[in-house]
Amino acid sequence: METVTKKACETHVYRALDEVTAETAAFPIMETLNKAEELSTTCDYCPQAAIYVVSNMQSPPIS
């Protein structure tokens, strides 16, 4: 299965959820970025900082 990942701000999180669902026909997984990741990650739909990562696969734990 191909991994589909979207980064989204508060405004665009529902759009990201809809797109991941439409592209994969699977239930999406939504994870919150930590503060350090938020600073360097922008939304895929606008220039605001991303708060969420929406994907069809769960991210591996960071050790």
C-alpha atoms as a PDB file:
ATOM      1  CA  MET A   1       0.000   0.000   0.000  1.00  0.00           C
ATOM      2  CA  GLU A   2       1.304   3.428  -0.930  1.00  0.00           C
ATOM      3  CA  THR A   3       1.806   5.824   1.969  1.00  0.00           C
ATOM      4  CA  VAL A   4      -0.079   9.105   1.642  1.00  0.00           C
ATOM      5  CA  THR A   5       0.869  11.863   4.081  1.00  0.00           C
ATOM      6  CA  LYS A   6      -0.480  15.408   4.371  1.00  0.00           C
ATOM      7  CA  LYS A   7       0.700  18.112   6.756  1.00  0.00           C
ATOM      8  CA  ALA A   8      -2.044  20.499   7.847  1.00  0.00           C
ATOM      9  CA  CYS A   9      -2.739  23.550   9.979  1.00  0.00           C
ATOM     10  CA  GLU A  10      -5.896  23.886  12.103  1.00  0.00           C
ATOM     11  CA  THR A  11      -7.784  25.409   9.148  1.00  0.00           C
ATOM     12  CA  HIS A  12      -6.966  22.651   6.648  1.00  0.00           C
ATOM     13  CA  VAL A  13      -6.990  19.484   8.782  1.00  0.00           C
ATOM     14  CA  TYR A  14     -10.439  18.391   7.528  1.00  0.00           C
ATOM     15  CA  ARG A  15      -9.330  18.819   3.921  1.00  0.00           C
ATOM     16  CA  ALA A  16      -6.283  16.636   4.614  1.00  0.00           C
ATOM     17  CA  LEU A  17      -8.480  13.978   6.264  1.00  0.00           C
ATOM     18  CA  ASP A  18     -10.827  13.983   3.252  1.00  0.00           C
ATOM     19  CA  GLU A  19      -7.982  13.746   0.721  1.00  0.00           C
ATOM     20  CA  VAL A  20      -6.187  10.880   2.485  1.00  0.00           C
ATOM     21  CA  THR A  21      -9.474   8.979   2.752  1.00  0.00           C
ATOM     22  CA  ALA A  22     -10.312   9.587  -0.922  1.00  0.00           C
ATOM     23  CA  GLU A  23      -6.832   8.641  -2.170  1.00  0.00           C
ATOM     24  CA  THR A  24      -6.425   5.465  -0.114  1.00  0.00           C
ATOM     25  CA  ALA A  25      -9.961   4.275   0.727  1.00  0.00           C
ATOM     26  CA  ALA A  26      -8.591   3.655   4.231  1.00  0.00           C
ATOM     27  CA  PHE A  27      -9.349   5.247   7.572  1.00  0.00           C
ATOM     28  CA  PRO A  28      -6.829   8.089   8.085  1.00  0.00           C
ATOM     29  CA  ILE A  29      -4.551   8.444  11.084  1.00  0.00           C
ATOM     30  CA  MET A  30      -4.112  11.949  12.500  1.00  0.00           C
ATOM     31  CA  GLU A  31      -1.100  12.742  14.662  1.00  0.00           C
ATOM     32  CA  THR A  32      -0.129  16.014  16.335  1.00  0.00           C
ATOM     33  CA  LEU A  33       3.312  17.449  15.628  1.00  0.00           C
ATOM     34  CA  ASN A  34       5.455  18.324  18.626  1.00  0.00           C
ATOM     35  CA  LYS A  35       6.493  21.961  19.158  1.00  0.00           C
ATOM     36  CA  ALA A  36       9.947  21.530  17.570  1.00  0.00           C
ATOM     37  CA  GLU A  37       8.449  19.938  14.428  1.00  0.00           C
ATOM     38  CA  GLU A  38       5.754  22.650  14.213  1.00  0.00           C
ATOM     39  CA  LEU A  39       8.375  25.378  13.897  1.00  0.00           C
ATOM     40  CA  SER A  40       9.937  23.899  10.764  1.00  0.00           C
ATOM     41  CA  THR A  41       6.897  22.322   9.083  1.00  0.00           C
ATOM     42  CA  THR A  42       4.415  24.252   6.957  1.00  0.00           C
ATOM     43  CA  CYS A  43       0.909  23.268   5.957  1.00  0.00           C
ATOM     44  CA  ASP A  44       0.574  21.589   2.543  1.00  0.00           C
ATOM     45  CA  TYR A  45      -2.263  24.004   1.693  1.00  0.00           C
ATOM     46  CA  CYS A  46      -1.050  27.393   3.001  1.00  0.00           C
ATOM     47  CA  PRO A  47       2.036  29.070   4.515  1.00  0.00           C
ATOM     48  CA  GLN A  48       0.914  28.582   8.142  1.00  0.00           C
ATOM     49  CA  ALA A  49       2.695  26.198  10.513  1.00  0.00           C
ATOM     50  CA  ALA A  50       1.420  22.628  10.337  1.00  0.00           C
ATOM     51  CA  ILE A  51      -0.052  21.223  13.536  1.00  0.00           C
ATOM     52  CA  TYR A  52      -1.162  17.794  12.273  1.00  0.00           C
ATOM     53  CA  VAL A  53       0.134  15.004  10.068  1.00  0.00           C
ATOM     54  CA  VAL A  54      -2.625  12.989   8.418  1.00  0.00           C
ATOM     55  CA  SER A  55      -1.631   9.675   6.879  1.00  0.00           C
ATOM     56  CA  ASN A  56      -2.890   6.228   5.992  1.00  0.00           C
ATOM     57  CA  MET A  57       0.003   4.655   7.937  1.00  0.00           C
ATOM     58  CA  GLN A  58       1.063   5.253  11.541  1.00  0.00           C
ATOM     59  CA  SER A  59       4.456   6.913  11.986  1.00  0.00           C
ATOM     60  CA  PRO A  60       7.145   4.772  13.591  1.00  0.00           C
ATOM     61  CA  PRO A  61       8.022   5.815  17.146  1.00  0.00           C
ATOM     62  CA  ILE A  62      10.996   8.158  17.478  1.00  0.00           C
ATOM     63  CA  SER A  63      13.661   6.745  19.776  1.00  0.00           C
END
